[in-house]
Protein backbone atom coordinates (compact mmCIF):
# COMPACT_ATOMS: atom_id res chain seq x y z
CA MET A 1 -16.66 17.24 -19.48
CA ASN A 2 -12.72 17.95 -21.15
CA PHE A 3 -11.99 18.34 -17.14
CA PHE A 4 -14.09 14.93 -16.37
CA LYS A 5 -12.59 12.83 -18.70
CA SER A 6 -8.78 14.51 -17.33
CA ALA A 7 -9.61 13.58 -14.01
CA VAL A 8 -10.58 9.75 -14.99
CA ALA A 9 -7.75 9.20 -16.79
CA TYR A 10 -5.48 10.35 -13.75
CA ALA A 11 -7.39 8.14 -10.76
CA ASP A 12 -6.93 5.46 -13.47
CA LEU A 13 -3.28 6.55 -14.16
CA ILE A 14 -2.96 5.80 -10.05
CA LYS A 15 -5.46 3.65 -9.38
CA LEU A 16 -6.67 5.64 -7.28
CA GLY A 17 -9.52 3.23 -5.65
CA HIS A 18 -6.53 1.22 -4.17
CA THR A 19 -5.52 4.07 -1.60
CA LEU A 20 -7.77 2.08 0.99
CA PHE A 21 -5.05 -0.03 1.21
CA ALA A 22 -2.38 2.06 3.17
CA LEU A 23 -4.67 5.40 4.26
CA PRO A 24 -6.76 3.30 6.67
CA PHE A 25 -3.47 2.27 8.33
CA ALA A 26 -2.00 5.73 8.31
CA LEU A 27 -5.31 6.91 10.12
CA SER A 28 -5.60 3.81 12.55
CA ALA A 29 -1.62 5.48 13.43
CA LEU A 30 -3.26 8.60 14.02
CA CYS A 31 -5.82 7.42 17.02
CA LEU A 32 -3.06 5.10 18.34
CA ALA A 33 -1.29 7.80 18.85
CA TYR A 34 -4.37 9.91 20.39
CA LEU A 35 -5.11 6.43 21.92
CA SER A 36 -1.73 6.98 24.01
CA GLY A 37 -1.72 10.09 25.24
CA HIS A 38 -0.58 12.77 21.85
CA SER A 39 -2.68 15.19 21.24
CA LEU A 40 -4.23 15.41 17.58
CA SER A 41 -5.92 18.81 15.35
CA CYS A 42 -7.50 18.78 12.30
CA SER A 43 -5.40 20.68 10.58
CA LYS A 44 -2.56 17.91 11.07
CA ILE A 45 -4.73 14.94 10.18
CA PHE A 46 -5.40 17.01 6.85
CA TRP A 47 -1.69 17.60 6.39
CA VAL A 48 -0.92 14.21 6.90
CA ILE A 49 -4.03 12.90 4.61
CA LEU A 50 -2.04 14.94 1.70
CA ALA A 51 1.52 13.85 2.54
CA PHE A 52 0.00 10.41 2.00
CA ALA A 53 -1.72 11.56 -1.16
CA GLY A 54 0.81 12.92 -2.88
CA ALA A 55 3.74 10.35 -2.04
CA ARG A 56 0.93 7.91 -3.78
CA ALA A 57 0.16 9.66 -6.42
CA SER A 58 3.91 10.15 -6.93
CA ALA A 59 5.17 7.26 -6.30
CA MET A 60 2.51 5.59 -8.81
CA GLY A 61 3.08 8.17 -10.83
CA PHE A 62 6.48 7.90 -11.22
CA ASN A 63 6.06 3.60 -11.78
CA ARG A 64 4.10 4.30 -15.02
CA ILE A 65 6.49 6.25 -16.30
CA VAL A 66 9.10 4.08 -15.93
CA ASP A 67 6.92 0.91 -17.00
CA ARG A 68 5.56 2.64 -19.97
CA ASP A 69 7.28 0.09 -22.48
CA VAL A 70 6.94 -2.85 -20.00
CA ASP A 71 2.75 -2.31 -19.92
CA ALA A 72 2.08 -1.71 -23.66
CA LEU A 73 3.34 -5.42 -23.67
CA ASN A 74 1.44 -6.51 -21.41
CA PRO A 75 -2.46 -7.25 -22.28
CA ARG A 76 -3.38 -6.44 -18.74
CA THR A 77 -1.79 -3.32 -18.45
CA LYS A 78 -1.44 -2.26 -21.83
CA ASN A 79 -5.46 0.11 -21.32
CA ARG A 80 -3.43 2.00 -18.82
CA PRO A 81 -3.36 6.39 -19.47
CA SER A 82 0.13 6.33 -19.60
CA VAL A 83 0.05 3.51 -22.35
CA THR A 84 -3.09 4.90 -24.51
CA GLY A 85 -1.48 7.95 -24.40
CA LYS A 86 -4.89 9.44 -22.75
CA ILE A 87 -2.28 10.69 -21.02
CA SER A 88 0.91 11.87 -22.18
CA ILE A 89 4.83 11.17 -20.48
CA ALA A 90 5.42 14.41 -20.22
CA ASP A 91 2.07 15.23 -18.35
CA ALA A 92 2.73 12.15 -16.23
CA LYS A 93 6.39 14.12 -15.35
CA VAL A 94 4.06 17.08 -14.98
CA PHE A 95 1.85 15.39 -12.61
CA THR A 96 4.71 13.00 -10.57
CA ILE A 97 6.81 16.11 -10.40
CA ILE A 98 3.19 18.25 -8.46
CA SER A 99 2.65 15.25 -6.26
CA ILE A 100 6.25 15.67 -5.83
CA VAL A 101 6.41 19.02 -4.14
CA ILE A 102 3.47 18.59 -2.82
CA PHE A 103 4.59 15.95 -0.28
CA PHE A 104 7.27 17.39 0.94
CA ILE A 105 5.31 20.49 1.58
CA SER A 106 3.05 19.15 3.64
CA ALA A 107 5.27 16.33 4.92
CA GLY A 108 7.54 19.99 6.20
CA MET A 109 4.07 21.73 6.82
CA ILE A 110 4.08 18.35 9.95
CA ASN A 111 7.16 18.44 11.50
CA TRP A 112 10.88 19.28 10.82
CA LEU A 113 11.66 15.06 11.26
CA CYS A 114 9.15 14.64 9.12
CA PHE A 115 10.19 16.98 6.39
CA VAL A 116 14.17 15.08 7.39
CA LEU A 117 12.33 11.61 6.01
CA ALA A 118 10.64 12.37 3.84
CA PHE A 119 13.53 11.86 1.11
CA PRO A 120 14.67 8.79 2.29
CA ALA A 121 11.03 7.79 2.45
CA LEU A 122 10.58 9.12 -1.26
CA ALA A 123 13.21 7.03 -2.39
CA VAL A 124 11.80 4.23 -1.38
CA LEU A 125 8.57 4.70 -2.84
CA LEU A 126 10.06 6.06 -6.41
CA GLY A 127 12.95 2.99 -5.86
CA TYR A 128 9.97 0.17 -5.95
CA SER A 129 9.75 0.89 -9.49
CA TYR A 130 13.20 -0.18 -10.73
CA ALA A 131 13.16 -3.41 -8.21
CA LYS A 132 10.77 -6.06 -10.47
CA ARG A 133 14.19 -5.71 -13.12
CA PHE A 134 16.71 -7.08 -10.27
CA THR A 135 14.93 -9.34 -7.24
CA PHE A 136 11.98 -11.30 -7.01
CA THR A 137 11.93 -9.83 -3.94
CA ALA A 138 9.37 -6.21 -5.34
CA HIS A 139 6.47 -8.00 -3.35
CA TYR A 140 7.68 -7.06 0.14
CA ILE A 141 9.88 -3.42 -1.14
CA VAL A 142 6.39 -2.24 -1.86
CA GLY A 143 5.40 -4.28 1.10
CA VAL A 144 7.90 -1.56 2.62
CA ALA A 145 7.74 1.43 0.48
CA LEU A 146 3.11 1.53 2.00
CA ALA A 147 4.98 0.48 5.25
CA ILE A 148 6.05 3.82 6.00
CA ALA A 149 2.70 5.24 5.83
CA PRO A 150 1.40 4.46 9.62
CA ALA A 151 5.15 4.58 10.61
CA GLY A 152 5.02 8.34 9.36
CA ALA A 153 1.73 8.89 10.91
CA TRP A 154 2.72 8.23 13.84
CA ILE A 155 6.18 10.59 13.97
CA ALA A 156 3.88 13.19 13.17
CA VAL A 157 2.35 13.74 15.76
CA ALA A 158 4.25 12.02 18.79
CA ASP A 159 7.42 13.82 16.71
CA SER A 160 9.37 10.36 17.18
CA LEU A 161 9.44 7.20 16.55
CA SER A 162 8.13 4.19 18.93
CA PRO A 163 9.05 1.20 18.89
CA GLN A 164 4.80 -0.31 19.38
CA ILE A 165 3.49 2.25 16.08
CA LEU A 166 6.24 -0.40 13.86
CA THR A 167 3.48 -3.80 14.29
CA LEU A 168 1.20 -2.26 12.41
CA SER A 169 4.08 -1.54 9.34
CA PHE A 170 4.90 -4.90 9.87
CA ALA A 171 1.43 -6.08 9.86
CA LEU A 172 0.92 -3.56 6.83
CA LEU A 173 4.44 -5.28 5.17
CA PHE A 174 3.05 -8.62 5.05
CA ASN A 175 -0.75 -7.85 4.28
CA ILE A 176 0.56 -6.33 1.37
CA ALA A 177 3.16 -8.45 0.24
CA SER A 178 0.34 -11.23 0.47
CA PHE A 179 -1.90 -10.30 -1.51
CA ASP A 180 0.47 -8.65 -4.15
CA LEU A 181 1.78 -12.01 -4.52
CA ILE A 182 -1.49 -13.40 -5.52
CA TYR A 183 -1.77 -10.19 -7.70
CA ALA A 184 1.14 -11.12 -9.01
CA LEU A 185 -0.13 -14.51 -10.65
CA GLN A 186 -1.17 -13.41 -13.38
CA ASP A 187 1.14 -12.15 -14.43
CA MET A 188 4.14 -15.55 -13.84
CA GLU A 189 4.17 -16.28 -17.81
CA PHE A 190 5.02 -12.80 -19.10
CA ASP A 191 6.86 -12.50 -16.45
CA LYS A 192 9.13 -15.07 -17.67
CA SER A 193 9.21 -14.26 -20.93
CA HIS A 194 10.50 -10.70 -20.76
CA LYS A 195 13.49 -11.67 -18.32
CA LEU A 196 11.31 -9.73 -15.31
CA HIS A 197 11.93 -11.19 -12.16
CA SER A 198 9.24 -11.54 -9.88
CA ILE A 199 8.73 -14.88 -7.19
CA PRO A 200 5.29 -16.17 -9.24
CA ALA A 201 8.25 -16.21 -12.58
CA LYS A 202 10.88 -17.51 -10.21
CA PHE A 203 9.41 -20.24 -8.13
CA GLY A 204 6.04 -21.28 -9.35
CA ARG A 205 2.26 -21.04 -8.41
CA LYS A 206 2.42 -23.41 -5.91
CA ILE A 207 5.47 -22.30 -4.08
CA THR A 208 4.01 -18.67 -4.11
CA LEU A 209 0.53 -19.82 -2.68
CA ILE A 210 2.47 -21.32 0.18
CA LEU A 211 4.81 -18.24 0.89
CA SER A 212 1.72 -15.54 0.74
CA GLY A 213 -0.27 -17.90 3.00
CA ILE A 214 2.51 -17.66 5.40
CA SER A 215 2.59 -13.84 4.70
CA PHE A 216 -0.89 -13.45 5.77
CA VAL A 217 0.20 -15.32 8.93
CA VAL A 218 2.74 -13.21 9.57
CA ALA A 219 0.21 -9.95 9.39
CA THR A 220 -2.29 -11.67 11.98
CA ILE A 221 0.59 -12.13 14.30
CA CYS A 222 1.55 -8.04 14.10
CA LEU A 223 -2.08 -7.63 14.44
CA ILE A 224 -2.16 -9.19 17.22
CA ALA A 225 0.71 -8.25 18.37
CA THR A 226 -0.47 -3.66 17.68
CA GLY A 227 -3.76 -4.69 20.19
CA THR A 228 -1.88 -6.44 22.72
CA LEU A 229 0.64 -3.41 23.11
CA PHE A 230 -1.50 -0.58 22.79
CA ASP A 231 -3.97 -2.73 24.97
CA LEU A 232 -6.48 -1.96 23.20
CA ASN A 233 -10.13 -3.57 23.52
CA LYS A 234 -12.10 -7.08 23.03
CA PHE A 235 -13.50 -5.37 19.59
CA TYR A 236 -10.21 -4.97 17.75
CA PHE A 237 -9.89 -8.53 18.58
CA ILE A 238 -12.86 -9.57 16.93
CA CYS A 239 -11.69 -7.33 14.02
CA VAL A 240 -8.58 -9.52 13.73
CA ALA A 241 -9.92 -12.46 14.34
CA ILE A 242 -12.57 -11.65 11.17
CA ILE A 243 -9.36 -10.34 9.50
CA ALA A 244 -8.20 -13.96 9.62
CA VAL A 245 -10.40 -15.11 8.60
CA LEU A 246 -10.31 -13.01 5.54
CA TYR A 247 -6.86 -13.99 4.81
CA ALA A 248 -8.08 -18.20 4.76
CA ILE A 249 -11.25 -17.57 2.40
CA GLY A 250 -8.90 -15.99 0.05
CA GLU A 251 -6.18 -18.22 -0.07
CA PHE A 252 -8.51 -20.59 -0.37
CA ALA A 253 -10.20 -19.01 -2.87
CA ILE A 254 -7.08 -19.27 -5.02
CA CYS A 255 -5.72 -22.04 -4.25
CA LYS A 256 -9.19 -23.66 -5.27
CA TYR A 257 -10.82 -21.41 -8.45
CA GLY A 258 -7.47 -20.42 -9.70
CA GLU A 259 -6.51 -16.62 -11.01
CA THR A 260 -9.85 -15.98 -12.09
CA LYS A 261 -10.87 -14.89 -8.25
CA THR A 262 -7.62 -12.63 -8.21
CA GLN A 263 -9.64 -9.52 -8.50
CA LEU A 264 -11.85 -10.37 -5.78
CA VAL A 265 -9.30 -11.25 -3.41
CA PHE A 266 -7.18 -8.60 -4.49
CA PHE A 267 -9.28 -5.89 -4.21
CA TYR A 268 -12.18 -6.37 -1.64
CA GLU A 269 -10.81 -8.51 0.71
CA ASN A 270 -7.80 -5.48 0.87
CA VAL A 271 -10.15 -2.72 1.49
CA ALA A 272 -12.19 -4.54 3.81
CA ILE A 273 -9.07 -6.26 6.28
CA SER A 274 -7.93 -2.55 5.96
CA LEU A 275 -10.77 -1.30 6.64
CA LEU A 276 -12.27 -3.61 9.46
CA ILE A 277 -8.86 -2.22 11.22
CA PHE A 278 -9.65 1.18 11.37
CA ILE A 279 -12.84 0.94 13.22
CA GLY A 280 -11.73 -1.84 15.22
CA ILE A 281 -8.99 0.97 16.31
CA VAL A 282 -11.06 3.43 16.23
CA SER A 283 -14.00 1.90 18.41
CA ASN A 284 -11.21 2.21 21.60
CA ILE A 285 -11.68 6.13 21.69
CA LEU A 286 -15.85 5.74 20.86
């Protein structure tokens, strides 16, 4: 029972469910590499997924350590395991170090280039935790951090980086940034009062929603570009059309009903969109 409680606490610490935001993009990149003529093995898929898990866990663990004092003051985050004591800071540090080691070992097992690039990638992933302390562009920095996943997955299979896959990375960047802007509306007043930098705190709700809408449009364009560059089938473009509709519905829901719909838009739409992209690309293999 104690093991189960600990597992639940650590899953809550790193927001395990949010893995579904970016992991399908990484798997989609593997599929695109396969469609482009590169060989794909079960062992390569395993190490890519493990590297992704290690990178994300280390980033989230580090974020909880760095933000513990701020999280304790925020009514929205005061119940996080790192704040309540379910997971001590010492244990969070051990967890983060283990996650970093897993990330580097997995990257090394893939190929030498992935191992070398793992160092700057980790710097971006961990550096995001400090972003809100000095720049309101933190929403796009987290987008950059997660956009590494598709590019990294491509390099894992192709042993080099192709400009083609960057369209999928940019789609993820603007997708994540858009949803993060919406999510950050919940903390607008808190950020202002505690001198934390965010677009809602600096520019207000209206500008935030305009920027999230623009970012949704850019993400859609990047998805269309991905389908065009890789010559994907009609079903993929149908999935992109559905995603564009979901973007519009999410933006409308927040504009009309406010932050009461944040969880619905942020989590469920995010997951649905990521899975739609993955399904649309996999259909080209099937």
